Amino acid sequence: MFRSASIAIALAAAAAAPLAAGGPLGTLPLGRYLCELPGDAAGPASRPVEGAWFDIINASSYVTDGGDGTYLLTGDDVVFTRGPMRGARFERTGVRALKRTDLTGPLAKMRCVKTGRTQ
């Protein structure tokens, strides 16, 4: 009896460990996310990145011009796990805003903001 309980506790702890490290599972608000780069004081406040958008369509699914896929939100970390954006990583910086964290160079400061539009 004691051994069964110990095994059950160990299995439960092992299963919970990845969630504890990344935070609780969640989903993003439904709608279109348009991606942009910050502007400057001499011009517009932001500069849209052409073709960089996605729609969150339900639970953990998204769609782009290139097709559809899934994402995983744990805590404030978003990872696109399947589809045309597979491997893209973001940090949730607000209820409607994400910052891309896996880019370097000129696109390193890209952020995506939820608009009211959908497909």
Protein backbone atom coordinates (compact mmCIF):
# COMPACT_ATOMS: atom_id res chain seq x y z
CA MET A 1 0.00 0.00 0.00
CA PHE A 2 2.74 2.46 0.99
CA ARG A 3 4.71 1.66 -2.17
CA SER A 4 1.65 2.28 -4.41
CA ALA A 5 1.00 5.62 -2.75
CA SER A 6 4.66 6.62 -3.14
CA ILE A 7 4.62 5.73 -6.83
CA ALA A 8 1.39 7.65 -7.37
CA ILE A 9 2.82 10.72 -5.62
CA ALA A 10 6.06 10.52 -7.64
CA LEU A 11 4.13 10.23 -10.92
CA ALA A 12 1.88 13.16 -10.03
CA ALA A 13 4.90 15.30 -9.13
CA ALA A 14 6.66 14.41 -12.37
CA ALA A 15 3.56 15.24 -14.41
CA ALA A 16 3.11 18.60 -12.66
CA ALA A 17 6.77 19.68 -12.93
CA PRO A 18 6.67 21.02 -16.52
CA LEU A 19 3.54 23.08 -15.79
CA ALA A 20 5.03 24.54 -12.62
CA ALA A 21 8.12 25.67 -14.54
CA GLY A 22 6.21 27.37 -17.38
CA GLY A 23 3.10 28.49 -15.57
CA PRO A 24 -0.54 27.58 -16.04
CA LEU A 25 -1.89 26.62 -19.45
CA GLY A 26 -4.01 29.23 -21.15
CA THR A 27 -5.29 30.57 -24.46
CA LEU A 28 -4.99 33.90 -26.23
CA PRO A 29 -8.00 36.13 -26.90
CA LEU A 30 -9.65 35.36 -30.25
CA GLY A 31 -9.03 37.74 -33.11
CA ARG A 32 -6.42 39.10 -35.49
CA TYR A 33 -2.92 39.95 -34.29
CA LEU A 34 -1.07 42.44 -36.49
CA CYS A 35 2.70 42.55 -36.12
CA GLU A 36 4.71 45.75 -36.14
CA LEU A 37 8.04 47.32 -35.29
CA PRO A 38 8.27 50.33 -33.01
CA GLY A 39 8.52 53.69 -34.76
CA ASP A 40 10.35 56.78 -33.59
CA ALA A 41 9.63 60.35 -32.54
CA ALA A 42 10.22 61.66 -36.07
CA GLY A 43 7.62 59.43 -37.71
CA PRO A 44 4.78 57.02 -37.01
CA ALA A 45 4.53 55.31 -33.62
CA SER A 46 4.80 51.90 -35.29
CA ARG A 47 5.66 50.35 -38.64
CA PRO A 48 3.58 47.33 -39.78
CA VAL A 49 5.52 44.24 -40.86
CA GLU A 50 3.94 43.23 -44.15
CA GLY A 51 2.48 39.73 -44.13
CA ALA A 52 3.15 39.26 -40.41
CA TRP A 53 -0.26 38.59 -38.91
CA PHE A 54 -2.23 35.67 -37.54
CA ASP A 55 -5.77 35.02 -36.35
CA ILE A 56 -6.46 33.11 -33.14
CA ILE A 57 -9.57 31.20 -34.19
CA ASN A 58 -10.38 28.94 -31.23
CA ALA A 59 -8.80 27.49 -28.11
CA SER A 60 -5.18 26.86 -29.21
CA SER A 61 -5.56 27.22 -32.99
CA TYR A 62 -4.47 29.95 -35.38
CA VAL A 63 -4.56 30.67 -39.10
CA THR A 64 -2.37 32.72 -41.47
CA ASP A 65 -2.23 33.15 -45.25
CA GLY A 66 0.06 30.11 -45.22
CA GLY A 67 -2.33 27.77 -43.39
CA ASP A 68 -3.40 26.86 -39.90
CA GLY A 69 -1.72 25.43 -36.82
CA THR A 70 -1.64 25.31 -33.04
CA TYR A 71 0.15 27.13 -30.24
CA LEU A 72 0.84 26.54 -26.55
CA LEU A 73 0.50 29.27 -23.92
CA THR A 74 2.10 28.54 -20.54
CA GLY A 75 2.22 31.48 -18.17
CA ASP A 76 3.34 34.36 -20.40
CA ASP A 77 5.25 32.20 -22.90
CA VAL A 78 3.67 31.43 -26.29
CA VAL A 79 5.17 28.82 -28.62
CA PHE A 80 3.67 28.00 -32.00
CA THR A 81 3.86 24.21 -32.16
CA ARG A 82 2.37 23.28 -35.56
CA GLY A 83 1.68 24.95 -38.87
CA PRO A 84 3.34 27.78 -40.78
CA MET A 85 4.52 29.58 -37.63
CA ARG A 86 5.97 26.44 -36.00
CA GLY A 87 8.84 27.37 -33.68
CA ALA A 88 7.89 31.06 -33.32
CA ARG A 89 8.20 32.22 -29.70
CA PHE A 90 6.53 35.16 -28.02
CA GLU A 91 6.21 36.66 -24.56
CA ARG A 92 2.79 37.98 -23.53
CA THR A 93 3.37 41.60 -22.50
CA GLY A 94 -0.28 42.53 -21.99
CA VAL A 95 -3.78 41.15 -22.48
CA ARG A 96 -3.68 42.03 -26.20
CA ALA A 97 0.08 42.25 -26.89
CA LEU A 98 2.88 39.78 -27.63
CA LYS A 99 6.61 40.39 -28.13
CA ARG A 100 8.50 38.06 -30.47
CA THR A 101 11.47 36.62 -28.58
CA ASP A 102 13.20 34.36 -31.10
CA LEU A 103 14.26 36.92 -33.72
CA THR A 104 17.52 38.78 -34.20
CA GLY A 105 18.54 41.68 -36.38
CA PRO A 106 16.08 44.29 -37.69
CA LEU A 107 13.00 42.26 -36.67
CA ALA A 108 14.18 41.60 -33.09
CA LYS A 109 11.81 44.24 -31.66
CA MET A 110 8.70 42.93 -33.43
CA ARG A 111 5.49 42.89 -31.43
CA CYS A 112 2.02 41.67 -32.32
CA VAL A 113 -1.10 43.43 -31.09
CA LYS A 114 -4.65 42.10 -31.16
CA THR A 115 -7.01 44.19 -33.25
CA GLY A 116 -10.77 44.01 -33.38
CA ARG A 117 -10.72 42.33 -36.79
CA THR A 118 -10.77 38.64 -37.57
CA GLN A 119 -10.55 36.76 -40.85
